Amino acid sequence: MKTQEGFPEIALQACPCGHYGDPLKECRCSFQQIQRYRSRLSGPLLDRIDIHIEVPAVKYKELAEEEQGEGSLEIRQRVQRARKVQQERFLGEGIYCNAQMRTSH
């Protein structure tokens, strides 16, 4: 898997059944099964993973709720305001985004 920015992304369950640490469902895996499952990833590969994020399970009911999110117009206006702030911040610097900043900025 790759993110939009091109960084590799790895996703895996904590155990074979996927319920280890889940407050709603009990994990039915033995310690040996979990160890064998986790040993499939080599140490050198794990050493190259910089960010580990544990994401809790979401109930289907919560996931399926039809919550009205922000509309495209509101998002566009928010982005335009942020771009204006950046434009003013970098006026005369010869840059237009944070990625171009150096320690001297």
C-alpha atoms as a PDB file:
ATOM      1  CA  MET A   1       0.000   0.000   0.000  1.00  0.00           C
ATOM      2  CA  LYS A   2       1.190   3.567  -0.642  1.00  0.00           C
ATOM      3  CA  THR A   3      -0.223   6.813   0.652  1.00  0.00           C
ATOM      4  CA  GLN A   4      -0.976   9.734  -1.621  1.00  0.00           C
ATOM      5  CA  GLU A   5       2.419  11.224  -0.761  1.00  0.00           C
ATOM      6  CA  GLY A   6       4.170   8.055  -1.918  1.00  0.00           C
ATOM      7  CA  PHE A   7       5.257   6.825   1.500  1.00  0.00           C
ATOM      8  CA  PRO A   8       4.890   3.079   1.999  1.00  0.00           C
ATOM      9  CA  GLU A   9       2.106   2.122   4.358  1.00  0.00           C
ATOM     10  CA  ILE A  10       1.853  -1.180   6.204  1.00  0.00           C
ATOM     11  CA  ALA A  11      -1.315  -2.315   7.946  1.00  0.00           C
ATOM     12  CA  LEU A  12      -1.719  -5.455  10.002  1.00  0.00           C
ATOM     13  CA  GLN A  13      -3.806  -6.891  12.788  1.00  0.00           C
ATOM     14  CA  ALA A  14      -2.323  -7.409  16.252  1.00  0.00           C
ATOM     15  CA  CYS A  15      -3.101 -11.144  16.041  1.00  0.00           C
ATOM     16  CA  PRO A  16      -4.529 -13.711  13.580  1.00  0.00           C
ATOM     17  CA  CYS A  17      -8.160 -13.228  14.696  1.00  0.00           C
ATOM     18  CA  GLY A  18      -7.805  -9.435  14.804  1.00  0.00           C
ATOM     19  CA  HIS A  19      -9.309  -8.968  18.273  1.00  0.00           C
ATOM     20  CA  TYR A  20      -6.195  -8.718  20.465  1.00  0.00           C
ATOM     21  CA  GLY A  21      -6.711  -5.640  22.645  1.00  0.00           C
ATOM     22  CA  ASP A  22     -10.276  -5.103  21.399  1.00  0.00           C
ATOM     23  CA  PRO A  23     -12.530  -4.066  24.294  1.00  0.00           C
ATOM     24  CA  LEU A  24     -15.648  -5.419  22.541  1.00  0.00           C
ATOM     25  CA  LYS A  25     -14.527  -8.838  21.302  1.00  0.00           C
ATOM     26  CA  GLU A  26     -12.321 -11.362  23.021  1.00  0.00           C
ATOM     27  CA  CYS A  27      -9.167 -12.549  21.279  1.00  0.00           C
ATOM     28  CA  ARG A  28      -9.209 -16.322  20.896  1.00  0.00           C
ATOM     29  CA  CYS A  29      -5.578 -16.680  19.808  1.00  0.00           C
ATOM     30  CA  SER A  30      -3.020 -18.476  21.929  1.00  0.00           C
ATOM     31  CA  PHE A  31       0.247 -16.803  22.875  1.00  0.00           C
ATOM     32  CA  GLN A  32       2.061 -19.113  20.446  1.00  0.00           C
ATOM     33  CA  GLN A  33      -0.282 -18.193  17.576  1.00  0.00           C
ATOM     34  CA  ILE A  34       0.289 -14.492  18.214  1.00  0.00           C
ATOM     35  CA  GLN A  35       4.075 -14.972  18.382  1.00  0.00           C
ATOM     36  CA  ARG A  36       4.079 -16.992  15.135  1.00  0.00           C
ATOM     37  CA  TYR A  37       1.856 -14.387  13.431  1.00  0.00           C
ATOM     38  CA  ARG A  38       4.091 -11.495  14.481  1.00  0.00           C
ATOM     39  CA  SER A  39       7.295 -13.346  13.583  1.00  0.00           C
ATOM     40  CA  ARG A  40       6.278 -13.216   9.920  1.00  0.00           C
ATOM     41  CA  LEU A  41       7.617  -9.655   9.865  1.00  0.00           C
ATOM     42  CA  SER A  42      11.390  -9.611  10.050  1.00  0.00           C
ATOM     43  CA  GLY A  43      13.296  -7.475  12.530  1.00  0.00           C
ATOM     44  CA  PRO A  44      15.069  -5.453   9.792  1.00  0.00           C
ATOM     45  CA  LEU A  45      11.700  -4.590   8.237  1.00  0.00           C
ATOM     46  CA  LEU A  46      10.242  -3.548  11.594  1.00  0.00           C
ATOM     47  CA  ASP A  47      13.339  -1.397  12.215  1.00  0.00           C
ATOM     48  CA  ARG A  48      12.475   0.637   9.122  1.00  0.00           C
ATOM     49  CA  ILE A  49       8.970   1.492  10.308  1.00  0.00           C
ATOM     50  CA  ASP A  50       9.106   4.954  11.855  1.00  0.00           C
ATOM     51  CA  ILE A  51       5.535   5.464  13.019  1.00  0.00           C
ATOM     52  CA  HIS A  52       3.376   2.853  14.722  1.00  0.00           C
ATOM     53  CA  ILE A  53      -0.273   3.828  15.162  1.00  0.00           C
ATOM     54  CA  GLU A  54      -2.783   1.652  16.942  1.00  0.00           C
ATOM     55  CA  VAL A  55      -6.270   2.247  15.570  1.00  0.00           C
ATOM     56  CA  PRO A  56      -9.210   1.029  17.661  1.00  0.00           C
ATOM     57  CA  ALA A  57     -12.081  -0.808  16.017  1.00  0.00           C
ATOM     58  CA  VAL A  58     -15.130   1.264  15.110  1.00  0.00           C
ATOM     59  CA  LYS A  59     -18.624  -0.106  15.633  1.00  0.00           C
ATOM     60  CA  TYR A  60     -20.537  -0.592  12.388  1.00  0.00           C
ATOM     61  CA  LYS A  61     -23.381   1.563  13.709  1.00  0.00           C
ATOM     62  CA  GLU A  62     -21.017   4.497  14.205  1.00  0.00           C
ATOM     63  CA  LEU A  63     -19.421   3.941  10.821  1.00  0.00           C
ATOM     64  CA  ALA A  64     -22.778   3.775   9.030  1.00  0.00           C
ATOM     65  CA  GLU A  65     -24.248   6.912  10.616  1.00  0.00           C
ATOM     66  CA  GLU A  66     -25.076   9.574   8.093  1.00  0.00           C
ATOM     67  CA  GLU A  67     -23.342  12.502   9.697  1.00  0.00           C
ATOM     68  CA  GLN A  68     -23.389  15.600   7.538  1.00  0.00           C
ATOM     69  CA  GLY A  69     -19.793  16.631   6.951  1.00  0.00           C
ATOM     70  CA  GLU A  70     -18.318  19.859   5.745  1.00  0.00           C
ATOM     71  CA  GLY A  71     -19.415  20.798   2.237  1.00  0.00           C
ATOM     72  CA  SER A  72     -17.105  21.489  -0.706  1.00  0.00           C
ATOM     73  CA  LEU A  73     -17.766  25.227  -0.571  1.00  0.00           C
ATOM     74  CA  GLU A  74     -16.779  25.452   3.106  1.00  0.00           C
ATOM     75  CA  ILE A  75     -13.643  23.405   2.494  1.00  0.00           C
ATOM     76  CA  ARG A  76     -12.690  25.554  -0.503  1.00  0.00           C
ATOM     77  CA  GLN A  77     -13.115  28.748   1.535  1.00  0.00           C
ATOM     78  CA  ARG A  78     -11.014  27.342   4.383  1.00  0.00           C
ATOM     79  CA  VAL A  79      -8.234  26.332   1.967  1.00  0.00           C
ATOM     80  CA  GLN A  80      -8.309  29.752   0.304  1.00  0.00           C
ATOM     81  CA  ARG A  81      -7.973  31.481   3.701  1.00  0.00           C
ATOM     82  CA  ALA A  82      -5.037  29.236   4.616  1.00  0.00           C
ATOM     83  CA  ARG A  83      -3.319  29.939   1.293  1.00  0.00           C
ATOM     84  CA  LYS A  84      -3.758  33.680   1.815  1.00  0.00           C
ATOM     85  CA  VAL A  85      -2.163  33.425   5.275  1.00  0.00           C
ATOM     86  CA  GLN A  86       0.780  31.499   3.782  1.00  0.00           C
ATOM     87  CA  GLN A  87       1.130  34.008   0.951  1.00  0.00           C
ATOM     88  CA  GLU A  88       1.308  36.881   3.458  1.00  0.00           C
ATOM     89  CA  ARG A  89       3.683  34.941   5.728  1.00  0.00           C
ATOM     90  CA  PHE A  90       6.148  34.219   2.910  1.00  0.00           C
ATOM     91  CA  LEU A  91       5.909  37.625   1.196  1.00  0.00           C
ATOM     92  CA  GLY A  92       9.372  38.560  -0.048  1.00  0.00           C
ATOM     93  CA  GLU A  93      10.878  35.187   0.918  1.00  0.00           C
ATOM     94  CA  GLY A  94      10.732  33.612  -2.555  1.00  0.00           C
ATOM     95  CA  ILE A  95       8.840  30.583  -1.267  1.00  0.00           C
ATOM     96  CA  TYR A  96       5.189  29.618  -1.157  1.00  0.00           C
ATOM     97  CA  CYS A  97       4.885  26.611   1.161  1.00  0.00           C
ATOM     98  CA  ASN A  98       6.324  25.214   4.413  1.00  0.00           C
ATOM     99  CA  ALA A  99       8.183  22.469   2.547  1.00  0.00           C
ATOM    100  CA  GLN A 100      10.420  25.110   0.969  1.00  0.00           C
ATOM    101  CA  MET A 101      11.388  26.660   4.300  1.00  0.00           C
ATOM    102  CA  ARG A 102      14.951  26.531   5.585  1.00  0.00           C
ATOM    103  CA  THR A 103      16.117  27.068   9.161  1.00  0.00           C
ATOM    104  CA  SER A 104      16.796  30.714   8.283  1.00  0.00           C
ATOM    105  CA  HIS A 105      13.095  31.413   7.653  1.00  0.00           C
END
